[in-house]
Protein backbone atom coordinates (compact mmCIF):
# COMPACT_ATOMS: atom_id res chain seq x y z
CA MET A 1 0.00 0.00 0.00
CA ALA A 2 2.80 2.46 0.83
CA PHE A 3 4.38 1.81 -2.58
CA ALA A 4 1.07 2.39 -4.38
CA SER A 5 0.51 5.70 -2.55
CA LEU A 6 4.02 6.87 -3.30
CA PHE A 7 3.63 5.97 -6.94
CA SER A 8 0.24 7.63 -7.32
CA GLY A 9 1.47 10.67 -5.43
CA ARG A 10 4.38 11.08 -7.84
CA ALA A 11 2.12 10.56 -10.86
CA PHE A 12 -0.34 13.12 -9.55
CA SER A 13 2.33 15.69 -8.73
CA GLY A 14 3.82 15.25 -12.21
CA ARG A 15 0.38 15.77 -13.74
CA ALA A 16 -0.25 18.70 -11.41
CA ARG A 17 3.08 20.28 -12.40
CA ARG A 18 2.25 19.89 -16.11
CA GLU A 19 -1.19 21.40 -15.56
CA GLN A 20 0.28 24.31 -13.60
CA ARG A 21 2.86 24.93 -16.34
CA GLY A 22 0.04 24.87 -18.91
CA VAL A 23 -1.98 27.34 -16.83
CA GLU A 24 1.01 29.69 -16.55
CA LEU A 25 1.63 29.55 -20.31
CA ALA A 26 -2.05 30.08 -21.09
CA TYR A 27 -2.29 32.99 -18.67
CA ALA A 28 0.84 34.60 -20.16
CA ALA A 29 -0.71 34.31 -23.65
CA ILE A 30 -3.95 35.88 -22.39
CA VAL A 31 -2.09 38.79 -20.77
CA GLU A 32 0.08 39.36 -23.83
CA GLN A 33 -2.91 39.48 -26.16
CA ALA A 34 -4.91 41.66 -23.76
CA ARG A 35 -2.07 44.20 -23.72
CA ALA A 36 -1.95 44.63 -27.52
CA PRO A 37 -1.48 48.38 -28.10
CA LEU A 38 -4.18 48.34 -30.81
CA PHE A 39 -6.97 48.09 -28.22
CA PHE A 40 -5.86 51.28 -26.49
CA ALA A 41 -4.37 53.30 -29.35
CA THR A 42 -6.88 52.51 -32.10
CA MET A 43 -9.97 50.77 -30.73
CA GLY A 44 -10.78 53.36 -28.07
CA VAL A 45 -10.42 51.16 -24.99
CA PRO A 46 -9.24 53.47 -22.19
CA ASP A 47 -5.60 52.86 -21.21
CA THR A 48 -6.55 52.85 -17.54
CA LEU A 49 -6.79 50.29 -14.79
CA ASP A 50 -10.44 49.70 -15.76
CA GLY A 51 -9.64 49.40 -19.47
CA ARG A 52 -6.83 46.94 -18.83
CA PHE A 53 -9.06 44.86 -16.57
CA GLU A 54 -11.67 44.80 -19.34
CA THR A 55 -9.24 43.59 -22.03
CA LEU A 56 -7.91 40.95 -19.66
CA ALA A 57 -11.44 39.84 -18.75
CA LEU A 58 -12.39 39.67 -22.43
CA HIS A 59 -9.47 37.38 -23.30
CA ALA A 60 -9.86 35.21 -20.20
CA PHE A 61 -13.52 34.84 -21.15
CA LEU A 62 -12.57 33.68 -24.66
CA VAL A 63 -10.28 30.94 -23.33
CA LEU A 64 -12.66 29.79 -20.58
CA HIS A 65 -15.53 29.81 -23.09
CA ARG A 66 -13.48 27.54 -25.37
CA LEU A 67 -12.57 25.20 -22.52
CA LYS A 68 -16.26 24.64 -21.74
CA THR A 69 -16.56 22.53 -24.90
CA ASP A 70 -14.08 20.01 -23.49
CA ARG A 71 -15.63 19.48 -20.09
CA PRO A 72 -15.22 17.50 -17.93
CA ALA A 73 -11.60 16.96 -19.07
CA SER A 74 -10.88 20.71 -19.03
CA ALA A 75 -12.70 21.56 -15.78
CA GLY A 76 -9.64 21.41 -13.51
CA PHE A 77 -7.55 23.43 -15.94
CA ALA A 78 -10.29 26.04 -16.35
CA GLN A 79 -10.62 26.41 -12.57
CA ALA A 80 -6.84 26.71 -12.18
CA LEU A 81 -6.76 29.37 -14.91
CA TYR A 82 -9.58 31.30 -13.21
CA ASP A 83 -7.70 31.05 -9.89
CA ARG A 84 -4.51 32.29 -11.58
CA LEU A 85 -6.35 35.31 -12.99
CA PHE A 86 -7.59 36.37 -9.57
CA ALA A 87 -4.31 35.60 -7.80
CA ASP A 88 -2.78 38.06 -10.26
CA MET A 89 -5.51 40.61 -9.45
CA ASP A 90 -4.74 40.16 -5.75
CA ARG A 91 -1.01 40.65 -6.36
CA SER A 92 -1.59 43.72 -8.54
CA LEU A 93 -3.80 45.39 -5.94
CA ARG A 94 -1.21 44.78 -3.23
CA GLU A 95 1.53 46.23 -5.46
CA MET A 96 -0.65 49.31 -5.98
CA GLY A 97 -0.75 49.78 -2.21
CA VAL A 98 -4.29 48.65 -1.45
CA ALA A 99 -4.47 47.81 2.26
CA ASP A 100 -4.62 44.11 3.11
CA LEU A 101 -8.13 44.45 4.51
CA GLY A 102 -9.41 45.95 1.26
CA VAL A 103 -7.80 43.46 -1.14
CA GLY A 104 -10.16 40.57 -0.47
CA ARG A 105 -13.23 42.77 -0.89
CA ARG A 106 -11.92 44.24 -4.14
CA VAL A 107 -10.92 40.88 -5.58
CA LYS A 108 -14.37 39.53 -4.72
CA ALA A 109 -15.98 42.48 -6.54
CA MET A 110 -13.69 41.90 -9.54
CA ALA A 111 -14.61 38.20 -9.62
CA GLU A 112 -18.31 39.08 -9.57
CA ALA A 113 -17.77 41.65 -12.33
CA PHE A 114 -15.88 39.07 -14.38
CA MET A 115 -18.68 36.53 -14.05
CA GLY A 116 -21.15 39.19 -15.20
CA ARG A 117 -19.01 39.76 -18.29
CA VAL A 118 -18.83 36.03 -18.98
CA GLY A 119 -22.62 35.87 -19.02
CA ALA A 120 -22.97 39.01 -21.14
CA TYR A 121 -20.38 37.93 -23.73
CA GLU A 122 -21.79 34.41 -23.95
CA GLN A 123 -25.26 35.82 -24.50
CA GLY A 124 -23.88 38.26 -27.08
CA LEU A 125 -22.14 35.52 -29.03
CA GLU A 126 -25.31 33.42 -29.00
CA GLN A 127 -27.86 36.14 -29.76
CA GLY A 128 -26.09 38.19 -32.41
CA GLU A 129 -24.43 41.48 -33.19
CA ALA A 130 -26.81 43.87 -31.39
CA THR A 131 -26.62 41.94 -28.11
CA LEU A 132 -22.84 41.57 -28.38
CA ALA A 133 -22.43 45.28 -29.18
CA ALA A 134 -24.52 46.18 -26.13
CA ALA A 135 -22.36 43.93 -23.92
CA LEU A 136 -19.19 45.52 -25.30
CA ARG A 137 -20.53 49.06 -24.76
CA ARG A 138 -21.55 48.21 -21.19
CA ASN A 139 -18.31 46.46 -20.25
CA LEU A 140 -15.26 47.00 -22.47
CA TYR A 141 -16.33 50.59 -23.15
CA GLY A 142 -18.17 51.10 -19.86
CA THR A 143 -16.10 54.12 -18.84
CA VAL A 144 -16.28 55.77 -22.28
CA ALA A 145 -19.07 58.33 -22.67
CA ALA A 146 -19.74 57.59 -26.35
CA PRO A 147 -17.63 54.81 -27.86
CA ALA A 148 -17.20 54.93 -31.63
CA GLU A 149 -19.68 52.54 -33.26
CA GLU A 150 -16.95 51.40 -35.70
CA ALA A 151 -14.77 50.38 -32.75
CA VAL A 152 -17.63 48.50 -31.07
CA ALA A 153 -18.40 46.67 -34.34
CA ALA A 154 -14.71 45.86 -34.84
CA MET A 155 -14.47 44.45 -31.31
CA GLY A 156 -17.55 42.32 -32.01
CA ARG A 157 -15.77 40.91 -35.08
CA TYR A 158 -12.68 40.42 -32.94
CA LEU A 159 -14.57 38.33 -30.38
CA ARG A 160 -16.21 36.15 -33.01
CA ARG A 161 -12.94 35.57 -34.87
CA GLN A 162 -10.97 34.77 -31.73
CA ARG A 163 -13.70 32.35 -30.67
CA ALA A 164 -13.31 30.57 -34.04
CA VAL A 165 -9.50 30.59 -33.81
CA LEU A 166 -9.60 29.04 -30.33
CA ALA A 167 -12.30 26.53 -31.34
CA ALA A 168 -10.01 25.22 -34.10
CA GLN A 169 -7.21 24.44 -31.64
CA PRO A 170 -7.01 20.94 -30.18
CA ALA A 171 -7.94 20.55 -26.54
CA ALA A 172 -4.59 18.92 -25.75
CA ALA A 173 -2.74 22.00 -27.00
CA LEU A 174 -4.95 24.32 -24.95
CA LEU A 175 -4.47 22.22 -21.82
CA ALA A 176 -0.70 22.39 -22.38
CA GLY A 177 -0.99 26.17 -22.51
CA GLU A 178 -0.19 26.29 -26.21
CA LEU A 179 -3.06 28.55 -27.17
CA ARG A 180 -2.79 31.02 -30.01
CA PHE A 181 -4.82 34.13 -30.70
CA GLU A 182 -5.11 35.72 -34.12
CA ALA A 183 -3.16 38.99 -34.40
CA ALA A 184 -5.34 41.78 -33.04
CA ALA A 185 -5.07 43.93 -36.18
CA THR A 186 -6.20 41.05 -38.38
CA ALA A 187 -9.05 40.02 -36.08
CA VAL A 188 -10.65 43.49 -35.99
CA ALA A 189 -10.45 44.02 -39.76
CA PRO A 190 -13.71 43.93 -41.74
CA GLU A 191 -14.50 40.50 -43.10
CA ALA A 192 -13.92 40.00 -46.81
CA THR A 193 -17.06 39.53 -48.86
CA GLY A 194 -17.64 37.86 -52.21
């Protein structure tokens, strides 16, 4: 029995280490894509703490949305990725000087806000352009008085294209953290017709 527990413990910790490495790689890819200058310089997303949270939430949503299609195999990875996102939020708030007592409350509010965005973006992708545009105006552009309609439409195209790009990637690659987004400039471009 001791040998079996040792063996299974080693197998689990090896699997856990691979999953954690995959989560770290996936999270790094999400952050890198969310920080693309195009969102802030061209698409009108405010280059503020709120704007950066929104782009991060949008990209985390895309990956978690994709992982839902591979449940239950992806459930542990998706939860670990979600946990990594909010551990980073916790760390960032502490680095900004938020008092320890306020961090937990703020992270909880951010998690609730994120889940609201997940629901809104899922509904938008299911129900069409008008619903998706409304979700983007309310969330991604929530601190902008009057976002440019062209930018909102381009971000709707961006979400749909990135969803398709992620859907085409094998689950094993995603779970290894080898996810790829389409270049932001390409994904917001108008779709070719004819």
